[in-house]
Protein backbone atom coordinates (compact mmCIF):
# COMPACT_ATOMS: atom_id res chain seq x y z
CA MET A 1 97.85 88.47 55.11
CA ALA A 2 98.43 87.09 58.61
CA MET A 3 101.41 88.37 60.50
CA ASP A 4 103.93 86.43 62.51
CA LEU A 5 105.32 88.57 65.32
CA VAL A 6 107.21 85.84 67.10
CA ASP A 7 110.99 85.88 67.08
CA GLY A 8 113.58 83.72 68.72
CA SER A 9 113.94 86.16 71.57
CA ALA A 10 110.41 85.68 72.75
CA ALA A 11 110.00 83.72 75.88
CA GLY A 12 109.52 80.05 75.38
CA GLY A 13 107.05 77.65 76.85
CA GLY A 14 104.86 77.57 73.78
CA ARG A 15 104.06 81.27 73.96
CA GLY A 16 105.40 81.91 70.46
CA ASP A 17 102.87 79.54 68.95
CA ILE A 18 100.04 81.13 70.97
CA ALA A 19 101.06 84.62 69.86
CA THR A 20 101.16 83.57 66.21
CA HIS A 21 97.57 82.29 66.40
CA LEU A 22 96.38 85.37 68.28
CA TRP A 23 98.09 87.89 65.98
CA THR A 24 96.52 86.18 62.99
CA PHE A 25 93.15 86.84 64.58
CA LEU A 26 93.89 90.42 65.72
CA ASP A 27 95.15 91.31 62.26
CA ARG A 28 91.51 91.58 61.14
CA LEU A 29 90.67 94.38 63.60
CA SER A 30 90.23 97.92 62.35
CA PRO A 31 92.20 100.85 63.87
CA ALA A 32 89.03 101.98 65.70
CA MET A 33 88.59 98.51 67.22
CA TYR A 34 92.23 98.50 68.34
CA ASN A 35 91.77 101.88 70.03
CA ARG A 36 88.69 100.56 71.83
CA LEU A 37 90.63 97.47 72.93
CA TYR A 38 93.49 99.64 74.17
CA THR A 39 91.23 101.64 76.50
CA SER A 40 91.65 98.68 78.85
CA PRO A 41 94.95 98.64 80.80
CA ALA A 42 94.63 94.85 81.17
CA SER A 43 94.44 94.42 77.38
CA CYS A 44 97.53 96.58 76.87
CA LEU A 45 99.47 94.57 79.46
CA SER A 46 98.43 91.26 77.85
CA ILE A 47 99.39 92.41 74.35
CA PHE A 48 102.73 93.63 75.70
CA ARG A 49 103.46 90.26 77.32
CA LEU A 50 103.03 88.49 73.99
CA LEU A 51 105.30 90.83 72.00
CA PRO A 52 108.80 89.75 70.91
CA LEU A 53 111.55 90.82 73.30
CA SER A 54 112.93 93.57 71.04
CA ALA A 55 109.41 95.00 70.54
CA ARG A 56 108.89 95.06 74.31
CA HIS A 57 112.12 97.01 74.71
CA ILE A 58 110.97 99.62 72.17
CA VAL A 59 107.58 100.01 73.88
CA LEU A 60 109.18 100.53 77.30
CA ASP A 61 111.72 102.99 75.90
CA MET A 62 109.04 105.06 74.14
CA LEU A 63 106.44 104.84 76.91
CA TRP A 64 107.79 107.72 79.02
CA TYR A 65 109.74 109.49 76.28
CA ASP A 66 107.87 112.65 75.22
CA GLU A 67 110.36 113.88 72.63
CA ILE A 68 110.29 113.00 68.91
CA VAL A 69 111.68 109.51 68.32
CA ARG A 70 113.31 108.58 65.02
CA ILE A 71 114.19 105.18 63.65
CA ARG A 72 117.90 105.93 64.06
CA ASP A 73 117.24 106.50 67.78
CA VAL A 74 115.43 103.18 68.08
CA ALA A 75 118.29 101.43 66.25
CA LEU A 76 120.58 102.44 69.12
CA TRP A 77 118.19 100.90 71.65
CA ILE A 78 118.05 97.48 70.04
CA ARG A 79 120.88 95.06 70.62
CA GLU A 80 121.05 92.12 68.26
CA ARG A 81 122.39 88.66 69.08
CA ARG A 82 126.07 88.31 68.16
CA SER A 83 125.30 85.63 65.60
CA GLU A 84 123.21 88.22 63.72
CA GLY A 85 125.53 91.11 64.29
CA ALA A 86 125.96 92.21 60.67
CA GLU A 87 124.61 95.69 59.91
CA LYS A 88 122.28 94.32 57.24
CA GLY A 89 120.87 91.76 59.68
CA GLU A 90 120.28 94.44 62.32
CA ARG A 91 118.41 96.67 59.87
CA ARG A 92 116.25 93.75 58.78
CA HIS A 93 115.44 92.86 62.38
CA LEU A 94 114.58 96.47 63.24
CA LYS A 95 112.29 96.73 60.23
CA TYR A 96 110.60 93.49 61.23
CA THR A 97 110.10 94.64 64.84
CA LEU A 98 108.69 98.05 63.91
CA SER A 99 106.38 96.43 61.36
CA ALA A 100 104.99 94.24 64.15
CA LEU A 101 104.27 97.26 66.36
CA GLN A 102 102.71 99.19 63.48
CA ARG A 103 100.39 96.36 62.48
CA LEU A 104 99.16 96.19 66.06
CA HIS A 105 98.62 99.97 65.91
CA ILE A 106 100.88 100.50 68.91
CA VAL A 107 103.29 102.68 66.92
CA THR A 108 102.74 104.84 63.82
CA SER A 109 105.41 106.40 61.60
CA ARG A 110 105.75 109.37 59.28
CA LEU A 111 108.65 110.76 57.27
CA ASP A 112 109.75 114.31 58.02
CA ARG A 113 109.41 116.15 54.70
CA HIS A 114 112.61 118.12 55.40
CA SER A 115 114.73 114.99 55.97
CA ASP A 116 116.83 112.99 53.57
CA PRO A 117 114.84 109.87 52.51
CA SER A 118 118.07 107.85 52.46
CA THR A 119 118.58 108.34 56.23
CA ASP A 120 116.73 106.85 59.17
CA GLU A 121 114.88 110.08 59.98
CA THR A 122 111.39 108.54 59.94
CA GLU A 123 109.54 109.77 63.03
CA LEU A 124 107.80 107.28 65.29
CA GLN A 125 104.86 107.99 67.57
CA MET A 126 103.18 105.73 70.11
CA ASN A 127 99.41 105.33 69.99
CA SER A 128 98.24 107.76 72.71
CA VAL A 129 95.37 105.47 73.78
CA PHE A 130 97.76 102.53 74.24
CA GLN A 131 100.34 104.77 75.90
CA ASN A 132 97.93 106.16 78.51
CA SER A 133 96.38 102.79 79.32
CA PHE A 134 99.72 100.98 79.54
CA ARG A 135 101.06 103.68 81.87
CA MET A 136 98.02 103.06 84.08
CA ALA A 137 98.66 99.32 83.98
CA LEU A 138 102.22 99.82 85.23
CA THR A 139 101.43 102.49 87.85
CA GLY A 140 98.12 101.16 89.17
CA GLY A 141 96.10 104.09 87.87
CA GLY A 142 92.88 104.14 85.86
CA GLN A 143 89.33 103.20 86.72
CA GLN A 144 88.65 100.90 89.64
CA GLY A 145 88.04 97.39 88.34
CA SER A 146 90.34 97.62 85.33
CA PHE A 147 91.93 94.42 86.60
CA GLY A 148 88.79 93.01 88.19
CA LYS A 149 86.99 94.02 91.36
CA ALA A 150 88.37 91.93 94.22
CA ALA A 151 85.86 90.64 96.78
CA LYS A 152 86.54 91.42 100.44
CA GLU A 153 85.31 88.00 101.56
CA GLN A 154 85.70 84.62 99.91
CA ASP A 155 84.94 80.98 100.60
CA PRO A 156 87.86 79.45 102.56
CA GLU A 157 87.15 76.09 100.91
CA VAL A 158 87.93 77.51 97.46
CA THR A 159 91.69 77.13 97.65
CA VAL A 160 94.27 77.19 94.85
CA GLN A 161 94.36 73.38 94.95
CA PHE A 162 90.56 73.29 94.64
CA LEU A 163 90.71 75.58 91.59
CA ASP A 164 93.49 73.51 89.99
CA ASP A 165 91.49 70.32 90.44
CA TYR A 166 88.35 71.98 89.09
CA ALA A 167 90.14 73.33 86.00
CA GLU A 168 91.77 69.98 85.25
CA THR A 169 88.48 68.13 85.66
CA GLN A 170 86.59 70.48 83.34
CA TRP A 171 89.31 70.37 80.70
CA GLU A 172 89.62 66.58 80.85
CA ILE A 173 85.85 66.24 80.37
CA ILE A 174 86.33 67.83 76.93
CA GLN A 175 89.39 65.75 76.05
CA HIS A 176 87.83 62.45 77.14
CA PHE A 177 84.72 63.21 75.11
CA MET A 178 86.88 63.85 72.04
CA VAL A 179 88.61 60.46 72.25
CA GLY A 180 85.46 58.60 73.28
CA SER A 181 87.04 57.44 76.54
CA ASP A 182 85.00 55.48 79.09
CA ALA A 183 86.49 57.81 81.69
CA GLY A 184 84.50 60.63 80.12
CA ALA A 185 81.16 59.66 81.68
CA THR A 186 80.30 63.36 82.13
CA LYS A 187 79.58 65.07 78.83
CA PRO A 188 80.53 68.70 78.06
CA GLY A 189 77.85 71.37 77.95
CA GLU A 190 75.84 72.10 74.81
CA LYS A 191 77.84 75.24 73.91
CA VAL A 192 81.12 73.32 74.22
CA LEU A 193 79.82 70.64 71.86
CA VAL A 194 78.79 73.28 69.33
CA LEU A 195 82.26 74.82 69.52
CA LEU A 196 83.99 71.45 69.04
CA ASN A 197 81.88 70.93 65.94
CA ARG A 198 82.36 74.41 64.47
CA SER A 199 86.10 74.33 65.13
CA GLY A 200 86.42 71.17 63.03
CA LEU A 201 87.88 69.19 65.94
CA MET A 202 84.91 66.82 65.87
CA ALA A 203 82.41 65.90 63.18
CA SER A 204 78.75 65.20 63.81
CA THR A 205 77.34 61.89 62.59
CA GLN A 206 73.82 62.07 63.99
CA SER A 207 73.73 64.76 66.66
CA LEU A 208 76.12 66.80 68.80
CA ARG A 209 76.05 63.99 71.36
CA HIS A 210 77.22 61.53 68.71
CA MET A 211 80.36 63.10 67.24
CA ARG A 212 83.75 61.62 66.49
CA ILE A 213 87.20 63.09 66.42
CA THR A 214 88.63 64.45 63.15
CA SER A 215 92.19 64.54 61.86
CA LYS A 216 92.38 68.15 63.09
CA GLY A 217 91.07 67.05 66.48
CA PHE A 218 93.72 64.37 66.82
CA GLN A 219 96.41 66.94 66.07
CA PHE A 220 94.76 69.20 68.67
CA LEU A 221 95.28 66.54 71.36
CA LEU A 222 99.05 66.59 70.70
CA GLU A 223 99.32 70.32 71.42
CA GLU A 224 100.18 71.95 74.73
CA VAL A 225 97.19 72.91 76.86
CA ASN A 226 97.66 76.67 76.43
CA THR A 227 97.70 76.29 72.65
CA GLN A 228 94.62 74.07 72.83
CA LEU A 229 92.85 76.74 74.85
CA TRP A 230 93.56 79.49 72.36
CA ASP A 231 92.55 77.22 69.46
CA LEU A 232 89.09 76.96 71.01
CA LEU A 233 88.92 80.53 72.30
CA LEU A 234 89.62 82.01 68.86
CA VAL A 235 86.69 80.02 67.46
CA TYR A 236 84.62 81.21 70.42
CA LEU A 237 85.54 84.81 69.60
CA GLU A 238 84.27 84.32 66.05
CA GLU A 239 80.79 83.76 67.52
CA SER A 240 80.99 86.68 69.95
CA GLN A 241 78.34 89.40 69.93
CA ASP A 242 81.01 92.02 70.70
CA LEU A 243 84.48 90.90 69.67
CA VAL A 244 86.42 93.72 71.35
CA GLU A 245 84.59 93.44 74.67
CA THR A 246 84.96 89.65 74.75
CA ILE A 247 88.66 89.55 73.93
CA GLY A 248 89.24 92.40 76.37
CA PHE A 249 87.54 90.32 79.05
CA LEU A 250 89.81 87.36 78.23
CA PHE A 251 92.84 89.61 78.58
CA MET A 252 91.52 90.85 81.93
CA LEU A 253 91.11 87.26 83.17
CA GLY A 254 94.71 86.61 82.19
CA SER A 255 95.82 89.44 84.50
CA LEU A 256 93.91 88.36 87.62
CA GLU A 257 95.33 86.71 90.74
CA LEU A 258 94.92 82.97 91.19
CA GLY A 259 92.98 82.11 94.35
CA GLN A 260 91.34 85.54 94.67
CA ALA A 261 87.56 85.98 94.47
CA TYR A 262 86.24 88.76 92.21
CA LEU A 263 82.83 90.43 92.14
CA THR A 264 80.56 90.18 89.11
CA ASP A 265 78.51 93.34 89.75
CA ASN A 266 80.77 95.47 87.53
CA LEU A 267 80.60 93.08 84.54
CA SER A 268 78.42 93.79 81.50
CA ASP A 269 75.81 91.33 80.26
CA ILE A 270 78.18 90.14 77.52
CA GLN A 271 81.00 89.64 80.02
CA LEU A 272 78.70 87.71 82.38
CA GLU A 273 77.58 85.42 79.57
CA THR A 274 81.22 84.91 78.55
CA LEU A 275 82.16 84.13 82.15
CA ARG A 276 79.49 81.41 82.41
CA ASP A 277 80.66 79.90 79.12
CA LEU A 278 84.29 79.92 80.23
CA ALA A 279 83.36 78.06 83.42
CA ASP A 280 82.49 75.06 81.21
CA TYR A 281 86.08 75.04 79.94
CA GLY A 282 87.57 75.35 83.43
CA LEU A 283 88.83 78.92 83.06
CA ALA A 284 86.67 80.22 85.90
CA TYR A 285 84.82 78.78 88.86
CA LEU A 286 81.32 80.01 89.69
CA PRO A 287 79.89 78.63 92.96
CA THR A 288 76.41 78.95 91.38
CA PRO A 289 75.30 80.04 87.88
CA LYS A 290 74.09 83.37 89.30
CA SER A 291 76.85 83.77 91.87
CA SER A 292 77.96 87.29 92.80
CA VAL A 293 81.60 86.21 92.81
CA PHE A 294 83.87 84.16 90.56
CA TYR A 295 87.34 82.69 90.85
CA PRO A 296 89.75 82.62 87.87
CA THR A 297 91.60 79.32 87.57
CA ARG A 298 95.18 78.76 86.47
CA LEU A 299 93.89 78.12 82.94
CA ALA A 300 92.76 81.75 82.85
CA THR A 301 95.61 83.45 84.71
CA THR A 302 98.21 81.89 82.37
CA LEU A 303 96.47 82.76 79.10
CA THR A 304 99.11 85.33 78.16
CA SER A 305 102.09 83.98 80.07
CA SER A 306 104.56 81.14 79.67
CA ALA A 307 103.62 79.51 83.01
CA PRO A 308 102.08 76.01 82.85
CA PRO A 309 98.25 76.26 82.70
CA LEU A 310 97.65 73.04 84.63
CA VAL A 311 99.48 72.00 87.78
CA SER A 312 98.30 68.53 88.75
CA SER A 313 99.16 66.12 91.50
CA ARG A 314 97.12 63.35 89.85
CA HIS A 315 99.52 62.35 87.08
CA THR A 316 102.99 63.38 88.20
CA ASN A 317 104.79 60.26 86.94
CA GLU A 318 103.44 59.96 83.40
CA GLU A 319 105.43 62.93 82.15
CA LYS A 320 108.59 60.88 82.74
CA GLY A 321 107.19 57.83 80.96
CA PHE A 322 107.82 56.78 77.39
CA ILE A 323 106.55 54.50 74.63
CA VAL A 324 108.43 51.53 73.19
CA LEU A 325 107.44 50.24 69.74
CA GLU A 326 109.03 46.98 68.61
CA THR A 327 109.66 45.96 65.00
CA ASN A 328 106.83 43.41 65.33
CA TYR A 329 104.48 46.37 66.11
CA LYS A 330 104.06 45.50 69.76
CA ILE A 331 103.69 48.64 71.82
CA TYR A 332 104.57 49.27 75.48
CA ALA A 333 103.47 52.55 77.10
CA TYR A 334 104.60 53.61 80.56
CA THR A 335 101.59 55.66 81.69
CA SER A 336 98.56 55.46 83.94
CA ASN A 337 96.89 58.57 82.53
CA PRO A 338 93.41 57.57 81.24
CA LEU A 339 93.51 60.24 78.53
CA GLN A 340 96.90 59.16 77.18
CA ILE A 341 95.73 55.54 77.18
CA ALA A 342 92.56 56.55 75.33
CA VAL A 343 94.61 58.35 72.65
CA LEU A 344 96.73 55.21 72.19
CA GLY A 345 93.53 53.21 71.87
CA LEU A 346 92.56 55.27 68.82
CA PHE A 347 95.16 53.51 66.67
CA ALA A 348 96.39 50.51 68.70
CA HIS A 349 94.73 47.36 70.06
CA LEU A 350 95.42 47.53 73.81
CA LYS A 351 95.72 44.14 75.51
CA THR A 352 97.01 44.46 79.08
CA ARG A 353 96.90 47.26 81.60
CA PHE A 354 98.94 47.44 84.79
CA ALA A 355 99.26 50.16 87.43
CA ASN A 356 101.54 52.39 85.34
CA PHE A 357 102.03 50.35 82.21
CA VAL A 358 99.94 49.21 79.22
CA THR A 359 100.73 46.87 76.35
CA GLY A 360 99.17 46.60 72.94
CA HIS A 361 99.64 45.81 69.30
CA ILE A 362 99.34 47.90 66.15
CA THR A 363 97.40 45.75 63.68
CA ARG A 364 95.78 46.27 60.31
CA GLU A 365 92.43 46.45 62.05
CA SER A 366 93.61 49.02 64.61
CA VAL A 367 95.11 51.15 61.83
CA ARG A 368 91.78 51.06 59.99
CA ARG A 369 90.05 52.09 63.19
CA GLY A 370 92.52 54.93 63.55
CA LEU A 371 91.78 56.11 60.02
CA ALA A 372 88.07 55.98 60.84
CA ASN A 373 88.76 58.06 63.95
CA GLY A 374 90.36 60.83 61.91
CA ILE A 375 94.03 59.85 62.04
CA THR A 376 95.52 60.14 58.56
CA ALA A 377 98.73 58.97 56.96
CA ASN A 378 99.57 62.63 56.41
CA GLN A 379 100.09 62.95 60.14
CA ALA A 380 103.24 60.85 59.96
CA SER A 381 105.92 63.20 61.22
CA TYR A 382 109.62 63.54 62.00
CA LEU A 383 111.03 64.54 65.36
CA TYR A 384 114.06 66.82 65.72
CA ASP A 385 115.69 67.16 69.10
CA ASP A 386 119.12 67.30 70.72
CA PHE A 387 119.69 70.94 69.72
CA SER A 388 122.93 72.38 71.04
CA SER A 389 121.40 75.77 71.84
CA GLY A 390 118.09 77.58 72.06
CA HIS A 391 119.13 79.74 69.11
CA ASP A 392 119.61 76.70 66.85
CA TYR A 393 116.22 75.37 67.95
CA ASP A 394 114.52 78.71 67.14
CA LEU A 395 116.12 78.82 63.68
CA VAL A 396 114.81 75.35 62.78
CA VAL A 397 111.33 76.07 64.18
CA ASN A 398 111.06 79.35 62.25
CA TYR A 399 112.28 77.68 59.05
CA ALA A 400 109.74 74.86 59.47
CA ARG A 401 107.01 77.44 60.05
CA GLU A 402 107.97 79.31 56.88
CA LEU A 403 107.75 76.05 54.91
CA GLY A 404 104.36 75.27 56.42
CA ALA A 405 105.85 72.03 57.75
CA LEU A 406 105.61 72.75 61.49
CA LEU A 407 103.33 70.32 63.34
CA LEU A 408 104.29 70.77 66.97
CA GLU A 409 106.93 72.69 68.89
CA LEU A 410 107.96 71.99 72.49
CA PRO A 411 110.34 74.85 73.39
CA LYS A 412 111.07 73.72 76.94
CA ALA A 413 112.20 70.29 75.77
CA ARG A 414 113.72 71.69 72.53
CA LYS A 415 111.78 69.23 70.41
CA VAL A 416 109.99 69.94 67.15
CA PHE A 417 107.78 67.73 64.98
CA VAL A 418 107.60 68.44 61.24
CA THR A 419 105.69 66.94 58.33
CA ALA A 420 107.12 64.21 56.15
CA ASP A 421 106.91 66.57 53.15
CA GLY A 422 109.11 69.19 54.80
CA HIS A 423 111.56 66.75 56.41
CA LEU A 424 114.11 66.68 53.56
CA GLN A 425 114.26 70.48 53.23
CA ILE A 426 114.65 70.93 56.97
CA ARG A 427 117.36 68.27 57.11
CA GLU A 428 119.30 70.08 54.36
CA PHE A 429 118.81 73.39 56.19
CA ILE A 430 120.32 71.89 59.35
CA LYS A 431 123.27 70.48 57.36
CA ARG A 432 123.93 73.92 55.87
CA ARG A 433 123.77 75.51 59.32
CA MET A 434 126.20 72.91 60.73
CA ALA A 435 128.63 73.46 57.85
CA GLN A 436 128.43 77.24 58.32
CA ALA A 437 129.06 76.90 62.06
CA GLN A 438 132.12 74.69 61.41
CA GLU A 439 133.50 77.26 58.94
CA GLU A 440 133.03 80.05 61.47
CA GLU A 441 134.78 78.00 64.18
CA ALA A 442 137.65 77.21 61.81
CA ALA A 443 138.01 80.88 60.86
CA ALA A 444 137.97 81.90 64.51
CA ALA A 445 140.59 79.28 65.37
CA ALA A 446 142.79 80.42 62.48
CA GLY A 447 142.50 84.02 63.62
CA THR A 448 143.49 83.06 67.16
CA ALA A 449 146.51 81.10 65.85
CA MET A 450 147.67 84.11 63.82
CA ASP A 451 147.37 86.37 66.85
CA VAL A 452 149.46 83.97 68.94
CA SER A 453 152.19 83.64 66.28
CA ALA A 454 152.31 87.41 65.84
CA ALA A 455 152.75 87.84 69.57
């Protein structure tokens, strides 16, 4: 059973969705594999970053606490949101948080045989391997090179802007190939093509060079870049010779400094091979295939954070653009981004293109072409936005995820796309929440009026 460790208190920016995918993968690891992973301070720091807020608080509180910790002690450390302030809700949240830490083998529990089972006397203990490594991560201790071995000299031409441009170019090569865009004259490497095929994002018709996008691949293009990255990286990990060493290396990359050169002489053969593969995706820059140094790009350094993985000066205006669809199926898109235009071309007949504006028409023929390109009627979705608070947004997203109706979440914009099948249930859920909120406001107002009259 896959676990979902993401709660509404986790930082936004799409990180919750990334963590959900990653925990599903890590759930297969054995306790011995976890202990091996936790020998790396960088891995411990990355796992910590992706934990829910309440779980992070527990880890920090237990990290330097050498006395016996009981569940009742932890209950005093956690502070619930006021809207979930009931005692029953707090106990449920605490149980959920501790379960997350236990399944990641960060914390273990045992019941004191002399205690009353009806009380919260269960003793908690932090995994000593995780504890020691995480202490090193926070204090700068441990073996040299735990967070990469920085080079003393580096090429002055390899600037942060250079790395950003390189990462964006490499990533767009993959995306343009997926949509069959003319802008994608450069084809991805052989290993990238194999991964696109094995991940189900593209299907082979004749050879790897002649593939077309699938329904899953079209959905992939609608995701945020960080989520796209992890979608591919998790498939890459499936093919890894040494799963723990490879994922540990990914976590290390996520902890490196953007713009800094790092030596390769302390990397194992598996790590070197992984590094060369990741360069094809734009996560690292190698001046030459056998270079003695490498540079992590922003795609790598944001793997376990909520920062944007691509910072581009090429397409700064398209993000503010929008699409207009008339009742006669004419379409107007305010964008100059070749990739966005290519995605539109999958299901619309584009007629005119201006500097930052394209027009087209959705026809029976273009719909058929879209179906042939992997777009299905099942991908029709409903958009929910205009949430009054981040808490309301989180509740709807979590409910949609439980229903299996979640297609895409955009936490920064507070927008969520759900399937047509789950739309009615989600709409009713929102109505119930609105009615409950109105009742609570009315009760609060009545209580205030009584206090005033009594005074």
